[in-house]
Amino acid sequence: MGIIKYLFVLVYVFFILLVGIQSRKGTQESSDGYLLGGRSIGPVITSFSFVATYISGVCMVNAGKIGWDWGVGAMWNAWGNVILSIMFMWGLLGVRSRIMSEKLQVQTLPDYLRLRYGTEFFKLAGSVVVFVFMIPYTAAVFSSLSYMFTSVFNLPYMTSVVIMAFIGALYLVLGGYKAAAKVDVFQGGIMVLGGIILAVATLRAPEVGGLSEGIARMRALPSFVNTGGVTATGDDLISFGFNGNWGLLMGIIPFVLMTSWAPNGLPQMVTKFFAISSPKQIKVGAVVCSILGFLILTGVHLPGMFVHLFYDELPAGGGTNVLVPDMLPRIFGSGLIGQLCLSLILLLVLSASMSTLAGLVLSASASFGVDFIKGYVKKDMSEERTTVLLQFCTVFFVLGSLVLALLNLGVISSIQSLAWGAMSGFFLAPYVYGTLGKWPTKTAAITGSIVGLACAVLIPTVVKSAFPDIAKYCSTVNACAIATTLPLIVVPIVSAFTKKVEPGRVAFCFDTDMETTGGDNLEKAIARILINGKPVEEDYQVKAGDVIEICRGDQTLKFEIKEASDKLSESDALSILKDLQL
């Protein structure tokens, strides 16, 4: 029966490579085609691609830690992901992100913020941040996936990592984002089915005995000390409020912020909206993505919720990281049906990890290749050469992640939370505020980025070493939570005391008219005349009631036309202008 697992995986690998080959057309001629699929991806495909990229094999690894430390708190994390990230991004940020990315003609989040705020800081520093931290994040995905292969197929860990790296690099080089998006539909379907099967199988496992029986057995557990040093009882673990256990509550809040809020600032998630074919399709995608996310995340986290019923103590070597992967053979058993289901769950983890891998590698390649190399080193590079450069960057990032993935499995959660905190801490506040509002200033956005990055990197390293008394609070998880929330306070405060972004730049970024797009037209719009809030055309005939804005740098003169006439003296012209100075 072991042959079933191999057949499932072989069919899967054959399929994604076939899609990669078929997707070559239209992705090899331009960077926009390679990175965004020509901005032609539909809402359903984008929804599957978003949720497949969002949920990785690390999620299943983390489910064991969450369940061991917080019991039913596993559902906090699952549903927090749906509400704080999936619904928030699709409901509030999706439409504006899609419109503004087309208006600015950008392919990456660093370039998006560069044009939004008018500073090279975000493009240069942002590409460096992505380059440095995307590799360890990708390595964490490799590690979690390869451990599953080691457990199920008894393959050496190194062999598993190398196989996954080769497959991932090959189909991305062949088909770029279009291949990844098409594969994600298939992978998303596997994840939904696998999530449902995993949830049902967990509840039917002899150790659990059904939902109500499982809760009763959890209640009877003796008190224990979780990995955070907090003493908890079975009653605490089955309560969504942790039975008033303040230590458990203070432990899970930063974790949920890390896994649920931080993704809002991750480049690989944001660019999903850049690629969707039309802003009008965002609403459809929001509904589909929320349903998919709820089903998959609930199914993946349910085994973690009951992990104490399978283990009396943490296994040696791997800690909480190995809990859920090692539970799977016990949940499904050795029969034919069990092996079929186990093979499907393996494909679930494989699909989730490969989708996340694709998003990470493409984002990293875009930031390094387009933002840094083409942006500052070789500005006159042709589209064909840019695409070749992106393919080279894809292979480079996979190889870099492969090397780092050969580290100990026990650092997966730390690697992920540090990378998430650094990247999201840098991007989240400027992106969210700059997309939803016109008020954030350039100085405030830069300050927020620096504060977020500093918190993510310095708290678990410098601060932890310098202040031993608080070292236990300086985890990468807590640092990530601080890095993604503190800038949300810093940016509004600094904005209140610093110069506003040029009105012409803001008006252009938020304009929905796509007749004039791109950075060149944006620069022309900064120092020009606006009529009724829009750039004026050369043949426009001014009429009474029009509001004229003359924008120069940070200064704006605003007037309303009281009367329009073909023949006016200079003194008469001055008399018909009503000053509306801001």
Protein backbone atom coordinates (compact mmCIF):
# COMPACT_ATOMS: atom_id res chain seq x y z
CA MET A 1 0.00 0.00 0.00
CA GLY A 2 3.01 2.30 0.35
CA ILE A 3 3.06 2.65 -3.43
CA ILE A 4 -0.09 4.79 -3.21
CA LYS A 5 1.81 7.67 -1.64
CA TYR A 6 4.40 7.63 -4.40
CA LEU A 7 1.76 7.55 -7.13
CA PHE A 8 -0.05 10.54 -5.64
CA VAL A 9 3.12 12.58 -5.53
CA LEU A 10 4.27 11.54 -9.01
CA VAL A 11 0.93 12.58 -10.52
CA TYR A 12 1.13 15.90 -8.66
CA VAL A 13 4.69 16.61 -9.84
CA PHE A 14 3.81 15.69 -13.44
CA PHE A 15 0.82 18.03 -13.33
CA ILE A 16 2.63 21.12 -12.06
CA LEU A 17 5.50 20.65 -14.51
CA LEU A 18 3.00 20.30 -17.35
CA VAL A 19 1.26 23.52 -16.30
CA GLY A 20 4.64 25.24 -16.10
CA ILE A 21 5.44 24.25 -19.69
CA GLN A 22 2.01 25.29 -20.98
CA SER A 23 2.26 28.67 -19.23
CA ARG A 24 5.49 29.68 -20.98
CA LYS A 25 3.60 31.62 -23.63
CA GLY A 26 3.20 35.24 -22.55
CA THR A 27 5.50 34.96 -19.54
CA GLN A 28 8.86 34.95 -21.29
CA GLU A 29 8.56 38.22 -23.22
CA SER A 30 8.07 40.69 -20.37
CA SER A 31 8.61 41.07 -16.65
CA ASP A 32 4.94 41.98 -16.22
CA GLY A 33 3.94 38.68 -17.80
CA TYR A 34 6.43 36.70 -15.72
CA LEU A 35 5.59 38.36 -12.37
CA LEU A 36 1.88 39.23 -12.71
CA GLY A 37 0.61 37.06 -15.55
CA GLY A 38 -0.09 40.19 -17.58
CA ARG A 39 -2.63 41.37 -14.96
CA SER A 40 -5.16 38.97 -16.48
CA ILE A 41 -5.85 36.52 -13.65
CA GLY A 42 -9.53 36.07 -12.72
CA PRO A 43 -11.00 36.43 -9.20
CA VAL A 44 -11.54 32.72 -8.48
CA ILE A 45 -8.04 31.77 -9.60
CA THR A 46 -6.63 34.68 -7.59
CA SER A 47 -8.61 33.56 -4.53
CA PHE A 48 -7.22 30.04 -4.74
CA SER A 49 -3.75 31.42 -5.36
CA PHE A 50 -4.02 33.82 -2.40
CA VAL A 51 -5.17 31.22 0.10
CA ALA A 52 -2.76 28.58 -1.21
CA THR A 53 0.15 31.01 -0.87
CA TYR A 54 -1.08 32.19 2.52
CA ILE A 55 -1.27 28.70 4.04
CA SER A 56 2.02 26.80 4.03
CA GLY A 57 3.37 23.63 5.58
CA VAL A 58 4.65 25.82 8.41
CA CYS A 59 1.00 26.26 9.38
CA MET A 60 0.69 22.55 10.15
CA VAL A 61 3.98 22.61 12.05
CA ASN A 62 2.81 25.61 14.09
CA ALA A 63 -0.55 23.92 14.77
CA GLY A 64 1.24 21.48 17.06
CA LYS A 65 2.80 24.29 19.10
CA ILE A 66 -0.48 26.19 19.33
CA GLY A 67 -2.41 23.12 20.43
CA TRP A 68 0.22 22.06 22.95
CA ASP A 69 0.47 25.50 24.54
CA TRP A 70 -3.11 26.77 24.21
CA GLY A 71 -5.48 23.88 23.34
CA VAL A 72 -8.65 25.30 21.82
CA GLY A 73 -6.63 28.45 21.19
CA ALA A 74 -5.68 26.74 17.94
CA MET A 75 -9.02 28.00 16.66
CA TRP A 76 -8.08 31.53 17.71
CA ASN A 77 -5.24 31.30 15.26
CA ALA A 78 -7.26 29.66 12.47
CA TRP A 79 -10.14 32.13 12.57
CA GLY A 80 -7.86 35.07 13.33
CA ASN A 81 -6.14 34.38 10.02
CA VAL A 82 -9.48 34.51 8.23
CA ILE A 83 -10.71 37.73 9.88
CA LEU A 84 -7.58 39.80 10.47
CA SER A 85 -5.81 38.95 7.23
CA ILE A 86 -7.92 37.38 4.48
CA MET A 87 -11.12 39.39 5.06
CA PHE A 88 -9.21 42.58 5.95
CA MET A 89 -7.02 42.51 2.85
CA TRP A 90 -9.74 41.55 0.40
CA GLY A 91 -12.40 43.75 1.99
CA LEU A 92 -10.44 46.97 2.55
CA LEU A 93 -7.16 46.88 0.65
CA GLY A 94 -7.86 44.80 -2.44
CA VAL A 95 -9.70 47.27 -4.68
CA ARG A 96 -7.48 50.26 -3.90
CA SER A 97 -4.31 48.17 -4.29
CA ARG A 98 -5.41 46.90 -7.70
CA ILE A 99 -6.37 50.36 -8.99
CA MET A 100 -3.30 52.15 -7.66
CA SER A 101 -0.87 49.47 -8.89
CA GLU A 102 -2.23 49.84 -12.43
CA LYS A 103 -2.27 53.62 -12.19
CA LEU A 104 1.38 53.61 -11.12
CA GLN A 105 2.30 50.68 -13.41
CA VAL A 106 4.21 48.87 -10.67
CA GLN A 107 4.95 45.19 -10.16
CA THR A 108 6.34 45.15 -6.62
CA LEU A 109 5.38 46.53 -3.21
CA PRO A 110 8.66 48.51 -2.76
CA ASP A 111 8.09 50.30 -6.08
CA TYR A 112 4.42 50.87 -5.16
CA LEU A 113 5.47 52.69 -1.97
CA ARG A 114 8.24 54.59 -3.78
CA LEU A 115 5.77 56.26 -6.11
CA ARG A 116 3.06 56.63 -3.48
CA TYR A 117 5.31 58.63 -1.15
CA GLY A 118 7.85 60.03 -3.61
CA THR A 119 11.02 58.59 -2.10
CA GLU A 120 13.63 56.11 -3.29
CA PHE A 121 13.93 54.86 0.29
CA PHE A 122 11.18 52.27 -0.10
CA LYS A 123 12.45 50.87 -3.38
CA LEU A 124 16.10 50.65 -2.32
CA ALA A 125 15.72 49.70 1.35
CA GLY A 126 12.63 47.58 0.63
CA SER A 127 14.42 45.47 -1.97
CA VAL A 128 17.25 44.88 0.51
CA VAL A 129 14.82 43.87 3.28
CA VAL A 130 13.07 41.40 0.96
CA PHE A 131 16.39 40.03 -0.28
CA VAL A 132 17.74 39.45 3.24
CA PHE A 133 14.64 38.05 4.94
CA MET A 134 12.81 36.22 2.16
CA ILE A 135 15.50 33.54 1.97
CA PRO A 136 15.18 32.36 5.61
CA TYR A 137 11.39 32.49 5.31
CA THR A 138 11.54 30.28 2.21
CA ALA A 139 13.95 27.97 4.03
CA ALA A 140 11.36 27.53 6.79
CA VAL A 141 8.81 26.41 4.18
CA PHE A 142 11.32 23.94 2.73
CA SER A 143 12.10 22.54 6.17
CA SER A 144 8.49 21.93 7.18
CA LEU A 145 7.67 20.28 3.86
CA SER A 146 10.78 18.13 3.84
CA TYR A 147 10.13 16.87 7.34
CA MET A 148 6.74 15.62 6.16
CA PHE A 149 8.45 13.75 3.34
CA THR A 150 10.95 12.28 5.77
CA SER A 151 8.17 11.08 8.08
CA VAL A 152 5.94 9.62 5.38
CA PHE A 153 8.43 8.31 2.80
CA ASN A 154 11.39 7.63 5.08
CA LEU A 155 13.57 9.69 2.76
CA PRO A 156 16.67 11.41 4.19
CA TYR A 157 15.93 15.00 5.14
CA MET A 158 18.55 16.39 2.74
CA THR A 159 17.18 14.37 -0.17
CA SER A 160 13.67 15.65 0.49
CA VAL A 161 14.83 19.28 0.58
CA VAL A 162 16.76 18.95 -2.67
CA ILE A 163 13.83 17.31 -4.48
CA MET A 164 11.42 20.04 -3.42
CA ALA A 165 13.86 22.78 -4.38
CA PHE A 166 14.35 21.32 -7.84
CA ILE A 167 10.62 20.96 -8.53
CA GLY A 168 9.83 24.46 -7.26
CA ALA A 169 12.56 26.16 -9.26
CA LEU A 170 11.75 24.28 -12.48
CA TYR A 171 8.06 25.10 -12.78
CA LEU A 172 8.55 28.74 -11.73
CA VAL A 173 11.33 29.31 -14.26
CA LEU A 174 9.13 27.77 -16.95
CA GLY A 175 5.84 29.56 -16.31
CA GLY A 176 6.29 32.35 -13.75
CA TYR A 177 3.24 33.69 -11.90
CA LYS A 178 0.75 32.42 -14.47
CA ALA A 179 1.93 28.84 -13.90
CA ALA A 180 1.86 29.34 -10.13
CA ALA A 181 -1.69 30.74 -10.22
CA LYS A 182 -3.03 27.91 -12.41
CA VAL A 183 -1.38 25.27 -10.24
CA ASP A 184 -2.81 26.97 -7.15
CA VAL A 185 -6.36 26.23 -8.28
CA PHE A 186 -5.56 22.52 -8.31
CA GLN A 187 -3.58 22.82 -5.10
CA GLY A 188 -6.31 24.86 -3.41
CA GLY A 189 -8.85 22.17 -4.24
CA ILE A 190 -6.58 19.55 -2.67
CA MET A 191 -6.19 21.74 0.41
CA VAL A 192 -9.93 22.19 0.88
CA LEU A 193 -10.65 18.48 0.51
CA GLY A 194 -7.65 17.56 2.63
CA GLY A 195 -8.61 20.02 5.35
CA ILE A 196 -12.11 18.57 5.63
CA ILE A 197 -10.80 14.99 5.67
CA LEU A 198 -8.18 15.87 8.28
CA ALA A 199 -10.77 17.48 10.56
CA VAL A 200 -13.16 14.51 10.31
CA ALA A 201 -10.37 11.95 10.75
CA THR A 202 -9.03 13.75 13.83
CA LEU A 203 -12.43 13.72 15.51
CA ARG A 204 -12.91 10.01 14.64
CA ALA A 205 -9.47 8.98 15.94
CA PRO A 206 -9.64 6.62 18.97
CA GLU A 207 -7.61 9.06 21.04
CA VAL A 208 -10.26 11.77 20.50
CA GLY A 209 -13.54 9.85 20.20
CA GLY A 210 -15.60 12.70 18.75
CA LEU A 211 -15.84 16.41 19.52
CA SER A 212 -17.70 16.24 22.84
CA GLU A 213 -15.70 13.23 24.07
CA GLY A 214 -12.46 14.87 23.02
CA ILE A 215 -13.35 18.01 24.97
CA ALA A 216 -14.20 15.88 28.02
CA ARG A 217 -10.85 14.07 27.80
CA MET A 218 -9.04 17.37 27.46
CA ARG A 219 -10.79 18.65 30.59
CA ALA A 220 -9.46 15.69 32.55
CA LEU A 221 -5.83 16.41 31.68
CA PRO A 222 -3.51 17.08 34.64
CA SER A 223 -1.87 20.46 35.00
CA PHE A 224 1.31 21.02 32.98
CA VAL A 225 3.77 23.78 32.07
CA ASN A 226 3.67 24.86 28.43
CA THR A 227 6.67 25.90 26.35
CA GLY A 228 6.21 29.49 27.49
CA GLY A 229 6.57 28.52 31.13
CA VAL A 230 2.88 29.03 31.94
CA THR A 231 1.10 26.48 34.14
CA ALA A 232 -2.22 25.35 32.67
CA THR A 233 -4.94 22.77 33.36
CA GLY A 234 -7.29 20.84 31.12
CA ASP A 235 -10.08 23.29 31.98
CA ASP A 236 -7.88 26.13 30.74
CA LEU A 237 -7.18 24.41 27.42
CA ILE A 238 -10.83 23.82 26.50
CA SER A 239 -11.96 27.38 27.19
CA PHE A 240 -11.75 30.09 24.52
CA GLY A 241 -11.09 32.51 27.37
CA PHE A 242 -8.56 30.07 28.91
CA ASN A 243 -10.62 29.95 32.10
CA GLY A 244 -9.18 33.30 33.17
CA ASN A 245 -5.56 32.13 32.83
CA TRP A 246 -3.87 35.45 32.07
CA GLY A 247 -0.54 33.83 31.17
CA LEU A 248 -2.13 31.80 28.36
CA LEU A 249 -3.97 34.83 27.03
CA MET A 250 -0.84 36.98 26.98
CA GLY A 251 0.98 34.21 25.17
CA ILE A 252 -1.47 33.62 22.35
CA ILE A 253 -2.25 37.25 21.49
CA PRO A 254 1.25 37.98 20.09
CA PHE A 255 1.21 34.65 18.26
CA VAL A 256 -2.11 35.41 16.57
CA LEU A 257 -0.91 38.91 15.67
CA MET A 258 2.18 37.36 14.09
CA THR A 259 0.31 34.79 12.01
CA SER A 260 -2.87 36.80 11.29
CA TRP A 261 -1.96 40.49 11.18
CA ALA A 262 1.61 40.41 9.88
CA PRO A 263 0.67 38.87 6.47
CA ASN A 264 -1.07 42.15 5.58
CA GLY A 265 2.36 43.64 4.96
CA LEU A 266 4.04 40.72 3.20
CA PRO A 267 4.96 41.48 -0.44
CA GLN A 268 3.91 38.07 -1.79
CA MET A 269 0.35 38.62 -0.53
CA VAL A 270 -0.01 42.24 -1.65
CA THR A 271 1.04 41.56 -5.25
CA LYS A 272 -1.81 39.05 -5.65
CA PHE A 273 -4.09 42.07 -6.02
CA PHE A 274 -1.80 43.64 -8.62
CA ALA A 275 -2.34 40.63 -10.89
CA ILE A 276 -6.15 40.28 -10.77
CA SER A 277 -7.81 41.20 -14.05
CA SER A 278 -10.25 43.84 -12.77
CA PRO A 279 -10.93 45.74 -9.51
CA LYS A 280 -14.62 44.91 -9.90
CA GLN A 281 -13.82 41.23 -9.35
CA ILE A 282 -12.33 41.79 -5.90
CA LYS A 283 -15.71 41.33 -4.18
CA VAL A 284 -16.18 37.91 -5.75
CA GLY A 285 -12.66 36.96 -4.77
CA ALA A 286 -13.23 38.14 -1.20
CA VAL A 287 -16.15 35.75 -0.68
CA VAL A 288 -14.42 32.79 -2.31
CA CYS A 289 -11.15 33.36 -0.48
CA SER A 290 -12.82 33.73 2.94
CA ILE A 291 -14.71 30.45 2.52
CA LEU A 292 -11.60 28.62 1.33
CA GLY A 293 -9.53 30.03 4.17
CA PHE A 294 -12.07 29.06 6.82
CA LEU A 295 -12.34 25.46 5.61
CA ILE A 296 -8.62 24.86 5.17
CA LEU A 297 -7.39 26.65 8.29
CA THR A 298 -9.98 25.02 10.54
CA GLY A 299 -9.09 21.59 9.21
CA VAL A 300 -5.35 22.09 9.55
CA HIS A 301 -5.57 23.45 13.11
CA LEU A 302 -8.01 20.88 14.51
CA PRO A 303 -5.36 18.17 15.08
CA GLY A 304 -3.34 20.68 17.08
CA MET A 305 -6.32 21.39 19.29
CA PHE A 306 -6.31 17.76 20.51
CA VAL A 307 -2.55 17.17 20.46
CA HIS A 308 -2.45 16.49 24.24
CA LEU A 309 -4.59 13.41 23.74
CA PHE A 310 -1.85 11.90 21.55
CA TYR A 311 1.21 12.85 23.62
CA ASP A 312 1.88 12.81 27.34
CA GLU A 313 5.09 14.80 26.89
CA LEU A 314 6.99 16.49 24.11
CA PRO A 315 9.00 14.05 21.97
CA ALA A 316 12.76 14.44 22.06
CA GLY A 317 14.22 16.17 19.01
CA GLY A 318 11.98 18.64 17.19
CA GLY A 319 9.82 19.68 20.15
CA THR A 320 6.38 20.98 19.20
CA ASN A 321 7.35 21.13 15.52
CA VAL A 322 7.00 17.37 15.07
CA LEU A 323 3.71 16.89 16.94
CA VAL A 324 1.14 17.14 14.14
CA PRO A 325 3.28 15.50 11.40
CA ASP A 326 3.94 12.50 13.67
CA MET A 327 0.24 12.31 14.61
CA LEU A 328 -0.93 11.73 11.06
CA PRO A 329 -0.09 8.01 10.75
CA ARG A 330 -1.86 7.42 14.09
CA ILE A 331 -4.92 9.36 12.94
CA PHE A 332 -5.31 7.54 9.62
CA GLY A 333 -4.01 4.09 10.48
CA SER A 334 -2.44 1.56 8.12
CA GLY A 335 -5.50 0.41 6.12
CA LEU A 336 -6.10 1.19 2.45
CA ILE A 337 -8.56 4.03 3.12
CA GLY A 338 -6.25 5.46 5.75
CA GLN A 339 -3.29 5.37 3.38
CA LEU A 340 -5.32 7.07 0.67
CA CYS A 341 -6.32 9.81 3.09
CA LEU A 342 -2.78 10.15 4.41
CA SER A 343 -1.53 10.53 0.84
CA LEU A 344 -4.08 13.28 0.27
CA ILE A 345 -2.96 15.08 3.44
CA LEU A 346 0.61 14.81 2.25
CA LEU A 347 -0.51 16.49 -0.99
CA LEU A 348 -2.25 19.15 1.12
CA VAL A 349 1.03 20.01 2.84
CA LEU A 350 2.94 19.72 -0.44
CA SER A 351 0.44 21.98 -2.20
CA ALA A 352 0.42 24.56 0.57
CA SER A 353 4.19 24.67 0.76
CA MET A 354 4.78 24.78 -2.99
CA SER A 355 2.24 27.60 -3.38
CA THR A 356 3.87 29.59 -0.59
CA LEU A 357 7.27 28.84 -2.06
CA ALA A 358 6.16 30.18 -5.45
CA GLY A 359 4.88 33.41 -3.93
CA LEU A 360 8.00 33.95 -1.85
CA VAL A 361 10.45 33.25 -4.64
CA LEU A 362 8.63 35.41 -7.20
CA SER A 363 8.39 38.33 -4.74
CA ALA A 364 12.05 38.03 -3.82
CA SER A 365 13.09 37.77 -7.48
CA ALA A 366 11.01 40.82 -8.37
CA SER A 367 12.43 42.95 -5.56
CA PHE A 368 16.02 42.03 -6.30
CA GLY A 369 15.79 41.82 -10.10
CA VAL A 370 13.37 44.63 -10.99
CA ASP A 371 13.68 47.00 -8.03
CA PHE A 372 17.40 46.74 -7.34
CA ILE A 373 19.24 45.51 -10.46
CA LYS A 374 17.07 47.16 -13.11
CA GLY A 375 16.18 50.07 -10.86
CA TYR A 376 19.71 51.11 -9.93
CA VAL A 377 22.36 49.00 -11.68
CA LYS A 378 21.15 48.41 -15.25
CA LYS A 379 18.32 50.87 -15.88
CA ASP A 380 18.22 50.41 -19.67
CA MET A 381 17.72 46.63 -19.52
CA SER A 382 15.26 45.32 -22.12
CA GLU A 383 12.13 43.40 -21.18
CA GLU A 384 13.52 40.15 -22.57
CA ARG A 385 16.72 40.48 -20.56
CA THR A 386 14.73 41.47 -17.49
CA THR A 387 12.72 38.26 -17.74
CA VAL A 388 15.93 36.22 -18.03
CA LEU A 389 17.26 38.07 -14.98
CA LEU A 390 14.10 37.21 -13.05
CA GLN A 391 14.48 33.55 -13.96
CA PHE A 392 18.08 33.63 -12.77
CA CYS A 393 16.97 35.29 -9.51
CA THR A 394 14.37 32.55 -9.07
CA VAL A 395 17.04 29.86 -9.20
CA PHE A 396 19.34 31.91 -6.96
CA PHE A 397 16.73 32.36 -4.23
CA VAL A 398 15.75 28.70 -4.31
CA LEU A 399 19.39 27.66 -3.94
CA GLY A 400 19.95 30.14 -1.10
CA SER A 401 16.89 28.85 0.72
CA LEU A 402 17.97 25.28 0.09
CA VAL A 403 21.27 25.86 1.87
CA LEU A 404 19.59 27.50 4.86
CA ALA A 405 16.91 24.80 5.02
CA LEU A 406 19.54 22.24 5.98
CA LEU A 407 19.61 23.76 9.47
CA ASN A 408 17.86 22.14 12.45
CA LEU A 409 14.07 21.80 12.07
CA GLY A 410 13.58 23.23 15.55
CA VAL A 411 14.23 26.81 14.35
CA ILE A 412 11.32 26.89 11.88
CA SER A 413 8.96 29.00 13.99
CA SER A 414 11.73 31.40 14.99
CA ILE A 415 12.90 31.84 11.39
CA GLN A 416 9.39 32.44 10.16
CA SER A 417 8.44 34.93 12.87
CA LEU A 418 11.70 36.88 12.49
CA ALA A 419 11.28 37.11 8.70
CA TRP A 420 7.59 37.98 8.98
CA GLY A 421 8.31 40.64 11.60
CA ALA A 422 11.11 42.24 9.61
CA MET A 423 9.28 42.39 6.27
CA SER A 424 5.83 43.19 7.57
CA GLY A 425 7.18 45.62 10.16
CA PHE A 426 8.88 47.49 7.34
CA PHE A 427 5.98 47.51 4.86
CA LEU A 428 2.68 47.14 6.72
CA ALA A 429 1.92 50.60 8.15
CA PRO A 430 3.05 52.61 5.08
CA TYR A 431 1.16 50.22 2.79
CA VAL A 432 -2.10 50.08 4.76
CA TYR A 433 -2.27 53.79 5.56
CA GLY A 434 -0.95 54.88 2.15
CA THR A 435 -3.48 52.74 0.32
CA LEU A 436 -6.53 53.68 2.39
CA GLY A 437 -5.80 57.35 3.09
CA LYS A 438 -4.27 60.46 1.55
CA TRP A 439 -2.95 61.91 4.79
CA PRO A 440 0.23 59.90 5.66
CA THR A 441 3.40 61.91 5.09
CA LYS A 442 6.65 60.72 3.55
CA THR A 443 8.58 61.30 6.76
CA ALA A 444 5.98 59.38 8.78
CA ALA A 445 5.99 56.44 6.40
CA ILE A 446 9.79 56.18 6.48
CA THR A 447 9.82 56.50 10.27
CA GLY A 448 7.19 53.77 10.64
CA SER A 449 9.19 51.43 8.41
CA ILE A 450 12.41 51.96 10.36
CA VAL A 451 10.66 51.49 13.70
CA GLY A 452 8.99 48.27 12.54
CA LEU A 453 12.17 46.77 11.13
CA ALA A 454 14.19 47.76 14.21
CA CYS A 455 11.68 46.16 16.59
CA ALA A 456 11.60 42.88 14.66
CA VAL A 457 15.38 42.54 14.48
CA LEU A 458 16.68 44.19 17.65
CA ILE A 459 14.22 42.93 20.27
CA PRO A 460 15.08 39.20 19.94
CA THR A 461 18.80 39.92 19.53
CA VAL A 462 20.25 43.10 21.06
CA VAL A 463 17.52 43.81 23.62
CA LYS A 464 17.35 40.16 24.68
CA SER A 465 21.11 40.06 25.29
CA ALA A 466 21.35 43.48 26.96
CA PHE A 467 18.47 42.97 29.39
CA PRO A 468 18.51 39.40 30.80
CA ASP A 469 15.66 40.15 33.20
CA ILE A 470 13.22 40.55 30.33
CA ALA A 471 14.87 38.07 27.96
CA LYS A 472 11.96 35.62 28.18
CA TYR A 473 9.65 38.29 26.71
CA CYS A 474 12.00 39.06 23.80
CA SER A 475 10.98 36.18 21.56
CA THR A 476 10.73 36.55 17.80
CA VAL A 477 6.96 36.12 18.12
CA ASN A 478 6.59 39.03 20.54
CA ALA A 479 8.98 41.10 18.46
CA CYS A 480 6.88 40.46 15.35
CA ALA A 481 3.69 41.50 17.14
CA ILE A 482 5.31 44.75 18.29
CA ALA A 483 6.91 45.40 14.90
CA THR A 484 3.56 45.20 13.11
CA THR A 485 1.51 47.23 15.59
CA LEU A 486 3.80 50.00 16.91
CA PRO A 487 4.26 51.63 13.47
CA LEU A 488 0.46 51.91 13.23
CA ILE A 489 0.73 54.38 16.14
CA VAL A 490 3.94 56.06 15.00
CA VAL A 491 2.80 56.95 11.46
CA PRO A 492 -0.28 59.04 12.44
CA ILE A 493 1.65 60.87 15.16
CA VAL A 494 4.57 61.77 12.90
CA SER A 495 2.18 62.69 10.07
CA ALA A 496 0.57 65.32 12.30
CA PHE A 497 3.88 67.24 12.56
CA THR A 498 5.49 66.76 9.14
CA LYS A 499 4.92 68.07 5.62
CA LYS A 500 2.25 66.47 3.52
CA VAL A 501 2.96 64.58 0.31
CA GLU A 502 2.65 66.80 -2.79
CA PRO A 503 -1.07 67.22 -3.63
CA GLY A 504 -0.40 66.42 -7.28
CA ARG A 505 1.19 63.09 -6.34
CA VAL A 506 -1.69 62.14 -4.05
CA ALA A 507 -4.30 63.16 -6.62
CA PHE A 508 -2.58 61.07 -9.30
CA CYS A 509 -2.23 57.99 -7.07
CA PHE A 510 -5.89 58.03 -6.08
CA ASP A 511 -7.20 58.89 -9.54
CA THR A 512 -9.16 56.03 -11.15
CA ASP A 513 -8.79 57.34 -14.72
CA MET A 514 -6.36 55.01 -16.53
CA GLU A 515 -5.76 57.21 -19.59
CA THR A 516 -2.51 58.47 -18.03
CA THR A 517 -0.53 55.96 -16.00
CA GLY A 518 3.01 55.24 -14.85
CA GLY A 519 5.76 56.96 -12.94
CA ASP A 520 6.67 59.38 -15.76
CA ASN A 521 3.16 60.79 -15.91
CA LEU A 522 3.07 60.94 -12.13
CA GLU A 523 6.12 63.19 -12.04
CA LYS A 524 4.50 65.48 -14.60
CA ALA A 525 1.36 65.64 -12.46
CA ILE A 526 3.16 66.85 -9.36
CA ALA A 527 3.79 70.39 -10.64
CA ARG A 528 0.76 71.11 -12.77
CA ILE A 529 -2.76 72.45 -12.71
CA LEU A 530 -5.69 70.40 -11.49
CA ILE A 531 -9.30 71.23 -12.27
CA ASN A 532 -11.94 69.74 -9.99
CA GLY A 533 -9.30 67.45 -8.47
CA LYS A 534 -8.18 65.94 -11.80
CA PRO A 535 -5.28 66.69 -14.17
CA VAL A 536 -6.41 69.18 -16.80
CA GLU A 537 -6.31 68.35 -20.51
CA GLU A 538 -4.81 70.90 -22.93
CA ASP A 539 -8.10 71.51 -24.74
CA TYR A 540 -10.24 71.79 -21.59
CA GLN A 541 -12.64 74.76 -21.58
CA VAL A 542 -12.86 76.40 -18.16
CA LYS A 543 -16.38 77.15 -16.97
CA ALA A 544 -18.03 78.80 -14.01
CA GLY A 545 -17.94 76.68 -10.86
CA ASP A 546 -14.65 74.94 -11.73
CA VAL A 547 -12.15 74.65 -8.88
CA ILE A 548 -8.56 75.21 -10.02
CA GLU A 549 -5.56 73.99 -8.04
CA ILE A 550 -2.05 75.19 -8.91
CA CYS A 551 0.36 72.71 -7.32
CA ARG A 552 4.04 73.47 -6.80
CA GLY A 553 5.94 71.10 -4.52
CA ASP A 554 4.27 71.13 -1.12
CA GLN A 555 2.32 74.34 -1.85
CA THR A 556 -1.15 74.56 -3.38
CA LEU A 557 -3.15 77.60 -4.49
CA LYS A 558 -6.83 76.80 -4.88
CA PHE A 559 -9.44 79.00 -6.60
CA GLU A 560 -13.03 78.75 -7.77
CA ILE A 561 -14.11 80.26 -11.09
CA LYS A 562 -17.07 82.59 -10.50
CA GLU A 563 -17.53 83.59 -14.13
CA ALA A 564 -16.05 82.51 -17.48
CA SER A 565 -15.69 84.89 -20.47
CA ASP A 566 -13.68 84.97 -23.72
CA LYS A 567 -12.68 88.62 -23.32
CA LEU A 568 -11.48 89.90 -19.95
CA SER A 569 -9.07 92.56 -18.85
CA GLU A 570 -6.42 91.76 -16.28
CA SER A 571 -8.33 93.56 -13.54
CA ASP A 572 -11.56 91.79 -14.46
CA ALA A 573 -9.81 88.40 -14.43
CA LEU A 574 -8.59 88.94 -10.88
CA SER A 575 -12.05 89.90 -9.72
CA ILE A 576 -13.67 86.62 -10.81
CA LEU A 577 -11.30 84.43 -8.77
CA LYS A 578 -12.54 83.53 -5.35
CA ASP A 579 -9.66 82.51 -3.10
CA LEU A 580 -10.26 79.18 -1.37
CA GLN A 581 -6.86 78.85 0.26
CA LEU A 582 -6.60 75.67 2.33
